[in-house]
Amino acid sequence: MKKILILLAAAALSACTSVSTTDTQREPKIVDIGSNEHKQMMLTNYGYYLFNWIPIFSGGREDNSFALFTDTVNVESAVTTLSNKCVEMKVDNISDIQTLENSTCYFSWIPYFGTTFGLYWYREVQVSAVVSMTEQPASPAIKAQKE
């Protein structure tokens, strides 16, 4: 039983999905998304695989989550997670989406053995985008204070 608990604790600490955003920016104005307020969002999902195709631990489909024996480290899952986060943040426009995939064998430094018999792999997917939210109309009291 102890071994199972240690394995689950290792899984929780080893693979994860995270979504981070910058503070709202007003300058420079990004013409393509038609709003004065925009943020940079970045999602990272990573996990560990046997032979680069059997999932052991991977990031989940939600922010700060993980999954066991499920292949969620791919662009489709990452974009879905980013999209769900945009709905949660009430984002109006998404622009400049970029993706990056990376896969590395832990024993690749051993000649022939590392790449031929690559047992333990680390895989990572990153998705970044510029998002904008429409400015909320100010109440009449706030407008009066500005004037």
N, C-alpha and C. Protein backbone atom coordinates (compact mmCIF):
# COMPACT_ATOMS: atom_id res chain seq x y z
N MET A 1 0.82 -1.19 0.00
CA MET A 1 0.00 0.00 0.00
C MET A 1 0.87 1.26 0.00
N LYS A 2 1.99 1.21 0.76
CA LYS A 2 2.89 2.35 0.81
C LYS A 2 3.45 2.66 -0.57
N LYS A 3 3.76 1.62 -1.33
CA LYS A 3 4.33 1.82 -2.66
C LYS A 3 3.33 2.52 -3.58
N ILE A 4 2.08 2.18 -3.46
CA ILE A 4 1.05 2.81 -4.29
C ILE A 4 0.90 4.29 -3.91
N LEU A 5 0.92 4.60 -2.63
CA LEU A 5 0.82 5.99 -2.19
C LEU A 5 2.04 6.79 -2.64
N ILE A 6 3.22 6.20 -2.56
CA ILE A 6 4.42 6.88 -3.03
C ILE A 6 4.34 7.11 -4.54
N LEU A 7 3.84 6.13 -5.27
CA LEU A 7 3.69 6.27 -6.72
C LEU A 7 2.70 7.39 -7.06
N LEU A 8 1.60 7.46 -6.35
CA LEU A 8 0.62 8.52 -6.61
C LEU A 8 1.18 9.90 -6.24
N ALA A 9 1.94 9.97 -5.16
CA ALA A 9 2.56 11.25 -4.78
C ALA A 9 3.57 11.68 -5.84
N ALA A 10 4.34 10.73 -6.35
CA ALA A 10 5.30 11.04 -7.40
C ALA A 10 4.59 11.51 -8.66
N ALA A 11 3.46 10.91 -8.98
CA ALA A 11 2.69 11.31 -10.16
C ALA A 11 2.18 12.73 -10.00
N ALA A 12 1.71 13.05 -8.81
CA ALA A 12 1.18 14.40 -8.58
C ALA A 12 2.26 15.46 -8.70
N LEU A 13 3.47 15.11 -8.35
CA LEU A 13 4.56 16.08 -8.41
C LEU A 13 5.30 16.07 -9.74
N SER A 14 5.11 15.04 -10.53
CA SER A 14 5.95 14.90 -11.72
C SER A 14 5.31 15.40 -13.01
N ALA A 15 4.05 15.28 -13.18
CA ALA A 15 3.41 15.69 -14.42
C ALA A 15 2.28 16.65 -14.11
N CYS A 16 2.13 17.66 -14.94
CA CYS A 16 1.14 18.67 -14.61
C CYS A 16 0.78 19.49 -15.84
N THR A 17 -0.39 20.09 -15.78
CA THR A 17 -0.81 21.07 -16.76
C THR A 17 -0.88 22.41 -16.04
N SER A 18 -0.33 23.44 -16.66
CA SER A 18 -0.42 24.75 -16.04
C SER A 18 -0.77 25.79 -17.09
N VAL A 19 -1.58 26.75 -16.68
CA VAL A 19 -1.96 27.87 -17.55
C VAL A 19 -1.57 29.14 -16.82
N SER A 20 -0.80 30.00 -17.49
CA SER A 20 -0.40 31.26 -16.87
C SER A 20 -0.75 32.41 -17.81
N THR A 21 -1.02 33.57 -17.21
CA THR A 21 -1.34 34.76 -17.99
C THR A 21 -0.54 35.94 -17.47
N THR A 22 -0.34 36.91 -18.32
CA THR A 22 0.31 38.14 -17.91
C THR A 22 -0.75 39.09 -17.37
N ASP A 23 -0.31 40.19 -16.80
CA ASP A 23 -1.25 41.23 -16.38
C ASP A 23 -1.85 41.87 -17.63
N THR A 24 -3.02 42.47 -17.46
CA THR A 24 -3.68 43.15 -18.58
C THR A 24 -2.80 44.29 -19.08
N GLN A 25 -2.63 44.35 -20.38
CA GLN A 25 -1.79 45.38 -21.00
C GLN A 25 -2.66 46.30 -21.86
N ARG A 26 -2.35 47.57 -21.88
CA ARG A 26 -3.03 48.50 -22.77
C ARG A 26 -2.10 48.92 -23.90
N GLU A 27 -0.81 48.87 -23.69
CA GLU A 27 0.17 49.25 -24.71
C GLU A 27 1.16 48.12 -24.87
N PRO A 28 1.66 47.80 -26.01
CA PRO A 28 1.26 48.35 -27.30
C PRO A 28 -0.09 47.78 -27.72
N LYS A 29 -0.80 48.54 -28.50
CA LYS A 29 -2.10 48.08 -28.98
C LYS A 29 -1.90 47.06 -30.08
N ILE A 30 -2.65 45.98 -29.99
CA ILE A 30 -2.58 44.93 -31.00
C ILE A 30 -3.79 45.13 -31.90
N VAL A 31 -3.55 45.50 -33.13
CA VAL A 31 -4.61 45.89 -34.05
C VAL A 31 -5.50 44.71 -34.42
N ASP A 32 -4.91 43.53 -34.57
CA ASP A 32 -5.67 42.38 -35.07
C ASP A 32 -6.82 41.95 -34.17
N ILE A 33 -6.73 42.18 -32.87
CA ILE A 33 -7.75 41.66 -31.99
C ILE A 33 -8.76 42.71 -31.53
N GLY A 34 -8.58 43.94 -31.94
CA GLY A 34 -9.59 44.97 -31.77
C GLY A 34 -9.98 45.30 -30.35
N SER A 35 -9.07 45.30 -29.44
CA SER A 35 -9.40 45.65 -28.06
C SER A 35 -8.21 46.38 -27.44
N ASN A 36 -8.48 47.18 -26.44
CA ASN A 36 -7.39 47.86 -25.76
C ASN A 36 -6.75 46.99 -24.69
N GLU A 37 -7.49 46.04 -24.14
CA GLU A 37 -6.97 45.18 -23.10
C GLU A 37 -6.64 43.81 -23.67
N HIS A 38 -5.41 43.38 -23.49
CA HIS A 38 -5.03 42.05 -23.95
C HIS A 38 -4.05 41.42 -22.98
N LYS A 39 -3.98 40.11 -23.02
CA LYS A 39 -3.08 39.34 -22.16
C LYS A 39 -2.39 38.28 -23.00
N GLN A 40 -1.25 37.88 -22.53
CA GLN A 40 -0.54 36.75 -23.12
C GLN A 40 -0.86 35.53 -22.26
N MET A 41 -1.33 34.44 -22.87
CA MET A 41 -1.61 33.21 -22.15
C MET A 41 -0.65 32.14 -22.63
N MET A 42 -0.21 31.29 -21.70
CA MET A 42 0.64 30.18 -22.07
C MET A 42 0.24 28.94 -21.28
N LEU A 43 0.04 27.86 -22.00
CA LEU A 43 -0.31 26.59 -21.39
C LEU A 43 0.85 25.63 -21.60
N THR A 44 1.23 24.92 -20.56
CA THR A 44 2.26 23.90 -20.65
C THR A 44 1.70 22.61 -20.10
N ASN A 45 1.87 21.53 -20.85
CA ASN A 45 1.44 20.21 -20.43
C ASN A 45 2.59 19.26 -20.68
N TYR A 46 2.98 18.50 -19.67
CA TYR A 46 4.08 17.57 -19.86
C TYR A 46 3.80 16.25 -19.15
N GLY A 47 4.51 15.22 -19.57
CA GLY A 47 4.32 13.91 -18.98
C GLY A 47 5.47 12.98 -19.30
N TYR A 48 5.37 11.76 -18.77
CA TYR A 48 6.41 10.75 -18.92
C TYR A 48 5.83 9.51 -19.57
N TYR A 49 6.60 8.93 -20.49
CA TYR A 49 6.13 7.84 -21.32
C TYR A 49 7.16 6.72 -21.38
N LEU A 50 6.68 5.50 -21.56
CA LEU A 50 7.55 4.37 -21.88
C LEU A 50 7.63 4.24 -23.39
N PHE A 51 8.82 4.11 -23.90
CA PHE A 51 9.06 3.97 -25.34
C PHE A 51 8.43 5.09 -26.17
N ASN A 52 8.15 6.22 -25.55
CA ASN A 52 7.59 7.41 -26.18
C ASN A 52 6.17 7.23 -26.71
N TRP A 53 5.48 6.18 -26.31
CA TRP A 53 4.08 6.04 -26.74
C TRP A 53 3.17 5.41 -25.70
N ILE A 54 3.69 4.89 -24.60
CA ILE A 54 2.85 4.36 -23.52
C ILE A 54 2.86 5.38 -22.38
N PRO A 55 1.72 6.05 -22.14
CA PRO A 55 1.70 7.09 -21.10
C PRO A 55 1.77 6.50 -19.69
N ILE A 56 2.58 7.12 -18.85
CA ILE A 56 2.64 6.74 -17.43
C ILE A 56 1.95 7.83 -16.63
N PHE A 57 2.56 9.01 -16.59
CA PHE A 57 1.99 10.19 -15.93
C PHE A 57 1.95 11.30 -16.97
N SER A 58 0.88 12.06 -16.97
CA SER A 58 0.81 13.22 -17.86
C SER A 58 -0.07 14.29 -17.21
N GLY A 59 0.05 15.50 -17.73
CA GLY A 59 -0.80 16.58 -17.24
C GLY A 59 -2.24 16.31 -17.62
N GLY A 60 -3.14 16.78 -16.80
CA GLY A 60 -4.56 16.55 -17.06
C GLY A 60 -5.13 17.52 -18.07
N ARG A 61 -6.44 17.52 -18.18
CA ARG A 61 -7.12 18.40 -19.13
C ARG A 61 -7.56 19.71 -18.49
N GLU A 62 -7.22 19.93 -17.22
CA GLU A 62 -7.56 21.17 -16.53
C GLU A 62 -6.30 21.76 -15.93
N ASP A 63 -6.37 23.01 -15.54
CA ASP A 63 -5.23 23.69 -14.94
C ASP A 63 -4.83 23.00 -13.64
N ASN A 64 -3.52 22.81 -13.44
CA ASN A 64 -2.95 22.19 -12.24
C ASN A 64 -3.52 20.80 -11.96
N SER A 65 -3.54 19.95 -12.97
CA SER A 65 -4.04 18.60 -12.80
C SER A 65 -3.10 17.60 -13.45
N PHE A 66 -3.27 16.33 -13.14
CA PHE A 66 -2.49 15.28 -13.76
C PHE A 66 -3.38 14.07 -14.04
N ALA A 67 -2.89 13.18 -14.88
CA ALA A 67 -3.64 11.98 -15.25
C ALA A 67 -2.69 10.80 -15.27
N LEU A 68 -3.19 9.65 -14.89
CA LEU A 68 -2.41 8.42 -14.93
C LEU A 68 -2.80 7.61 -16.16
N PHE A 69 -1.81 7.11 -16.86
CA PHE A 69 -2.00 6.20 -17.99
C PHE A 69 -2.94 6.76 -19.06
N THR A 70 -2.92 8.08 -19.24
CA THR A 70 -3.75 8.75 -20.24
C THR A 70 -2.86 9.67 -21.07
N ASP A 71 -2.99 9.59 -22.38
CA ASP A 71 -2.17 10.41 -23.27
C ASP A 71 -2.84 11.76 -23.49
N THR A 72 -2.49 12.73 -22.68
CA THR A 72 -3.05 14.07 -22.82
C THR A 72 -2.00 15.09 -23.25
N VAL A 73 -0.77 14.64 -23.47
CA VAL A 73 0.29 15.55 -23.87
C VAL A 73 0.31 15.62 -25.39
N ASN A 74 -0.65 16.35 -25.94
CA ASN A 74 -0.75 16.56 -27.38
C ASN A 74 -1.39 17.92 -27.63
N VAL A 75 -1.25 18.39 -28.84
CA VAL A 75 -1.73 19.74 -29.18
C VAL A 75 -3.24 19.84 -29.03
N GLU A 76 -3.98 18.82 -29.41
CA GLU A 76 -5.44 18.88 -29.33
C GLU A 76 -5.92 19.09 -27.89
N SER A 77 -5.37 18.31 -26.96
CA SER A 77 -5.76 18.47 -25.55
C SER A 77 -5.34 19.83 -25.01
N ALA A 78 -4.16 20.29 -25.40
CA ALA A 78 -3.67 21.58 -24.91
C ALA A 78 -4.54 22.73 -25.42
N VAL A 79 -4.92 22.69 -26.68
CA VAL A 79 -5.77 23.75 -27.23
C VAL A 79 -7.16 23.71 -26.59
N THR A 80 -7.67 22.52 -26.32
CA THR A 80 -8.96 22.40 -25.64
C THR A 80 -8.90 22.99 -24.24
N THR A 81 -7.83 22.71 -23.51
CA THR A 81 -7.65 23.27 -22.17
C THR A 81 -7.54 24.78 -22.22
N LEU A 82 -6.77 25.29 -23.18
CA LEU A 82 -6.64 26.75 -23.35
C LEU A 82 -7.99 27.37 -23.69
N SER A 83 -8.74 26.73 -24.54
CA SER A 83 -10.07 27.22 -24.92
C SER A 83 -11.00 27.26 -23.71
N ASN A 84 -10.98 26.22 -22.89
CA ASN A 84 -11.82 26.20 -21.69
C ASN A 84 -11.43 27.32 -20.72
N LYS A 85 -10.14 27.59 -20.60
CA LYS A 85 -9.67 28.67 -19.74
C LYS A 85 -10.13 30.02 -20.29
N CYS A 86 -10.14 30.16 -21.62
CA CYS A 86 -10.62 31.40 -22.24
C CYS A 86 -12.11 31.62 -21.96
N VAL A 87 -12.90 30.57 -22.00
CA VAL A 87 -14.33 30.68 -21.68
C VAL A 87 -14.49 31.09 -20.23
N GLU A 88 -13.69 30.51 -19.34
CA GLU A 88 -13.75 30.84 -17.92
C GLU A 88 -13.38 32.31 -17.67
N MET A 89 -12.43 32.83 -18.44
CA MET A 89 -11.99 34.22 -18.27
C MET A 89 -12.83 35.19 -19.09
N LYS A 90 -13.82 34.70 -19.83
CA LYS A 90 -14.69 35.52 -20.67
C LYS A 90 -13.89 36.29 -21.73
N VAL A 91 -13.04 35.57 -22.42
CA VAL A 91 -12.21 36.14 -23.48
C VAL A 91 -13.06 36.30 -24.73
N ASP A 92 -12.92 37.45 -25.41
CA ASP A 92 -13.66 37.70 -26.64
C ASP A 92 -12.91 37.26 -27.89
N ASN A 93 -11.61 37.53 -27.92
CA ASN A 93 -10.81 37.23 -29.12
C ASN A 93 -9.52 36.53 -28.74
N ILE A 94 -9.11 35.61 -29.62
CA ILE A 94 -7.83 34.91 -29.47
C ILE A 94 -7.03 35.16 -30.74
N SER A 95 -5.76 35.51 -30.56
CA SER A 95 -4.92 35.82 -31.70
C SER A 95 -3.53 35.23 -31.50
N ASP A 96 -2.83 35.01 -32.59
CA ASP A 96 -1.43 34.60 -32.58
C ASP A 96 -1.19 33.33 -31.74
N ILE A 97 -1.90 32.27 -32.07
CA ILE A 97 -1.71 30.99 -31.38
C ILE A 97 -0.45 30.32 -31.93
N GLN A 98 0.41 29.90 -31.01
CA GLN A 98 1.63 29.20 -31.39
C GLN A 98 1.76 27.95 -30.54
N THR A 99 2.26 26.87 -31.15
CA THR A 99 2.43 25.62 -30.42
C THR A 99 3.88 25.15 -30.53
N LEU A 100 4.28 24.37 -29.54
CA LEU A 100 5.62 23.80 -29.51
C LEU A 100 5.52 22.42 -28.88
N GLU A 101 6.07 21.42 -29.55
CA GLU A 101 6.09 20.06 -29.03
C GLU A 101 7.54 19.63 -28.85
N ASN A 102 7.81 18.91 -27.77
CA ASN A 102 9.16 18.46 -27.48
C ASN A 102 9.10 17.07 -26.87
N SER A 103 10.03 16.22 -27.28
CA SER A 103 10.10 14.86 -26.75
C SER A 103 11.57 14.50 -26.56
N THR A 104 11.93 14.03 -25.37
CA THR A 104 13.32 13.74 -25.07
C THR A 104 13.44 12.41 -24.34
N CYS A 105 14.38 11.59 -24.77
CA CYS A 105 14.66 10.33 -24.09
C CYS A 105 15.67 10.60 -22.98
N TYR A 106 15.41 10.06 -21.80
CA TYR A 106 16.32 10.29 -20.68
C TYR A 106 17.69 9.65 -20.87
N PHE A 107 17.77 8.61 -21.66
CA PHE A 107 19.05 7.92 -21.85
C PHE A 107 19.64 8.18 -23.22
N SER A 108 19.29 9.29 -23.84
CA SER A 108 19.78 9.58 -25.19
C SER A 108 21.28 9.86 -25.23
N TRP A 109 21.89 10.13 -24.10
CA TRP A 109 23.32 10.40 -24.05
C TRP A 109 24.15 9.12 -24.21
N ILE A 110 23.52 7.95 -24.04
CA ILE A 110 24.24 6.69 -24.23
C ILE A 110 24.22 6.34 -25.71
N PRO A 111 25.37 6.23 -26.37
CA PRO A 111 25.39 5.94 -27.81
C PRO A 111 24.66 4.64 -28.15
N TYR A 112 23.88 4.67 -29.19
CA TYR A 112 23.10 3.55 -29.73
C TYR A 112 22.02 3.06 -28.77
N PHE A 113 22.34 2.82 -27.53
CA PHE A 113 21.37 2.29 -26.58
C PHE A 113 20.25 3.28 -26.30
N GLY A 114 20.61 4.55 -26.06
CA GLY A 114 19.64 5.56 -25.66
C GLY A 114 18.55 5.80 -26.67
N THR A 115 18.91 5.86 -27.95
CA THR A 115 17.90 6.12 -28.97
C THR A 115 17.25 4.86 -29.50
N THR A 116 17.97 3.75 -29.48
CA THR A 116 17.42 2.50 -29.99
C THR A 116 16.48 1.85 -29.00
N PHE A 117 16.88 1.81 -27.74
CA PHE A 117 16.07 1.17 -26.71
C PHE A 117 15.52 2.21 -25.74
N GLY A 118 15.16 3.37 -26.24
CA GLY A 118 14.69 4.46 -25.39
C GLY A 118 13.51 4.03 -24.55
N LEU A 119 13.75 3.85 -23.27
CA LEU A 119 12.72 3.34 -22.38
C LEU A 119 11.88 4.45 -21.77
N TYR A 120 12.50 5.46 -21.20
CA TYR A 120 11.80 6.47 -20.43
C TYR A 120 11.90 7.82 -21.14
N TRP A 121 10.76 8.39 -21.52
CA TRP A 121 10.71 9.63 -22.31
C TRP A 121 9.94 10.71 -21.57
N TYR A 122 10.37 11.94 -21.79
CA TYR A 122 9.70 13.14 -21.30
C TYR A 122 9.10 13.83 -22.51
N ARG A 123 7.81 14.14 -22.46
CA ARG A 123 7.14 14.83 -23.55
C ARG A 123 6.50 16.11 -23.03
N GLU A 124 6.56 17.17 -23.85
CA GLU A 124 6.01 18.46 -23.44
C GLU A 124 5.33 19.14 -24.62
N VAL A 125 4.21 19.80 -24.34
CA VAL A 125 3.49 20.60 -25.33
C VAL A 125 3.25 21.97 -24.71
N GLN A 126 3.52 23.02 -25.49
CA GLN A 126 3.23 24.38 -25.05
C GLN A 126 2.35 25.06 -26.09
N VAL A 127 1.36 25.79 -25.63
CA VAL A 127 0.50 26.58 -26.51
C VAL A 127 0.45 27.98 -25.93
N SER A 128 0.73 28.98 -26.77
CA SER A 128 0.63 30.36 -26.31
C SER A 128 -0.28 31.14 -27.25
N ALA A 129 -0.91 32.16 -26.71
CA ALA A 129 -1.83 32.97 -27.50
C ALA A 129 -1.97 34.35 -26.86
N VAL A 130 -2.37 35.31 -27.68
CA VAL A 130 -2.72 36.63 -27.18
C VAL A 130 -4.24 36.67 -27.14
N VAL A 131 -4.79 37.02 -25.98
CA VAL A 131 -6.24 37.04 -25.82
C VAL A 131 -6.67 38.45 -25.43
N SER A 132 -7.90 38.79 -25.76
CA SER A 132 -8.42 40.11 -25.40
C SER A 132 -9.82 39.98 -24.82
N MET A 133 -10.10 40.89 -23.91
CA MET A 133 -11.42 41.00 -23.32
C MET A 133 -11.95 42.38 -23.63
N THR A 134 -13.21 42.47 -24.01
CA THR A 134 -13.82 43.76 -24.28
C THR A 134 -13.90 44.53 -22.98
N GLU A 135 -13.56 45.79 -23.06
CA GLU A 135 -13.64 46.63 -21.86
C GLU A 135 -15.09 46.73 -21.44
N GLN A 136 -15.31 46.61 -20.15
CA GLN A 136 -16.66 46.73 -19.62
C GLN A 136 -17.06 48.20 -19.64
N PRO A 137 -18.29 48.52 -20.05
CA PRO A 137 -18.71 49.92 -20.03
C PRO A 137 -18.71 50.46 -18.60
N ALA A 138 -18.16 51.62 -18.44
CA ALA A 138 -18.08 52.23 -17.11
C ALA A 138 -19.44 52.72 -16.67
N SER A 139 -19.67 52.66 -15.38
CA SER A 139 -20.93 53.15 -14.84
C SER A 139 -20.95 54.68 -14.93
N PRO A 140 -22.12 55.31 -14.90
CA PRO A 140 -22.19 56.78 -14.97
C PRO A 140 -21.38 57.46 -13.86
N ALA A 141 -21.29 56.88 -12.67
CA ALA A 141 -20.53 57.49 -11.59
C ALA A 141 -19.05 57.54 -11.91
N ILE A 142 -18.54 56.47 -12.53
CA ILE A 142 -17.12 56.43 -12.90
C ILE A 142 -16.84 57.42 -14.02
N LYS A 143 -17.75 57.52 -14.99
CA LYS A 143 -17.59 58.49 -16.08
C LYS A 143 -17.55 59.90 -15.54
N ALA A 144 -18.38 60.21 -14.56
CA ALA A 144 -18.42 61.56 -13.98
C ALA A 144 -17.12 61.88 -13.26
N GLN A 145 -16.53 60.87 -12.59
CA GLN A 145 -15.26 61.09 -11.90
C GLN A 145 -14.13 61.38 -12.87
N LYS A 146 -14.15 60.73 -14.03
CA LYS A 146 -13.09 60.94 -15.02
C LYS A 146 -13.17 62.32 -15.65
N GLU A 147 -14.37 62.86 -15.76
CA GLU A 147 -14.55 64.17 -16.39
C GLU A 147 -14.27 65.21 -15.37
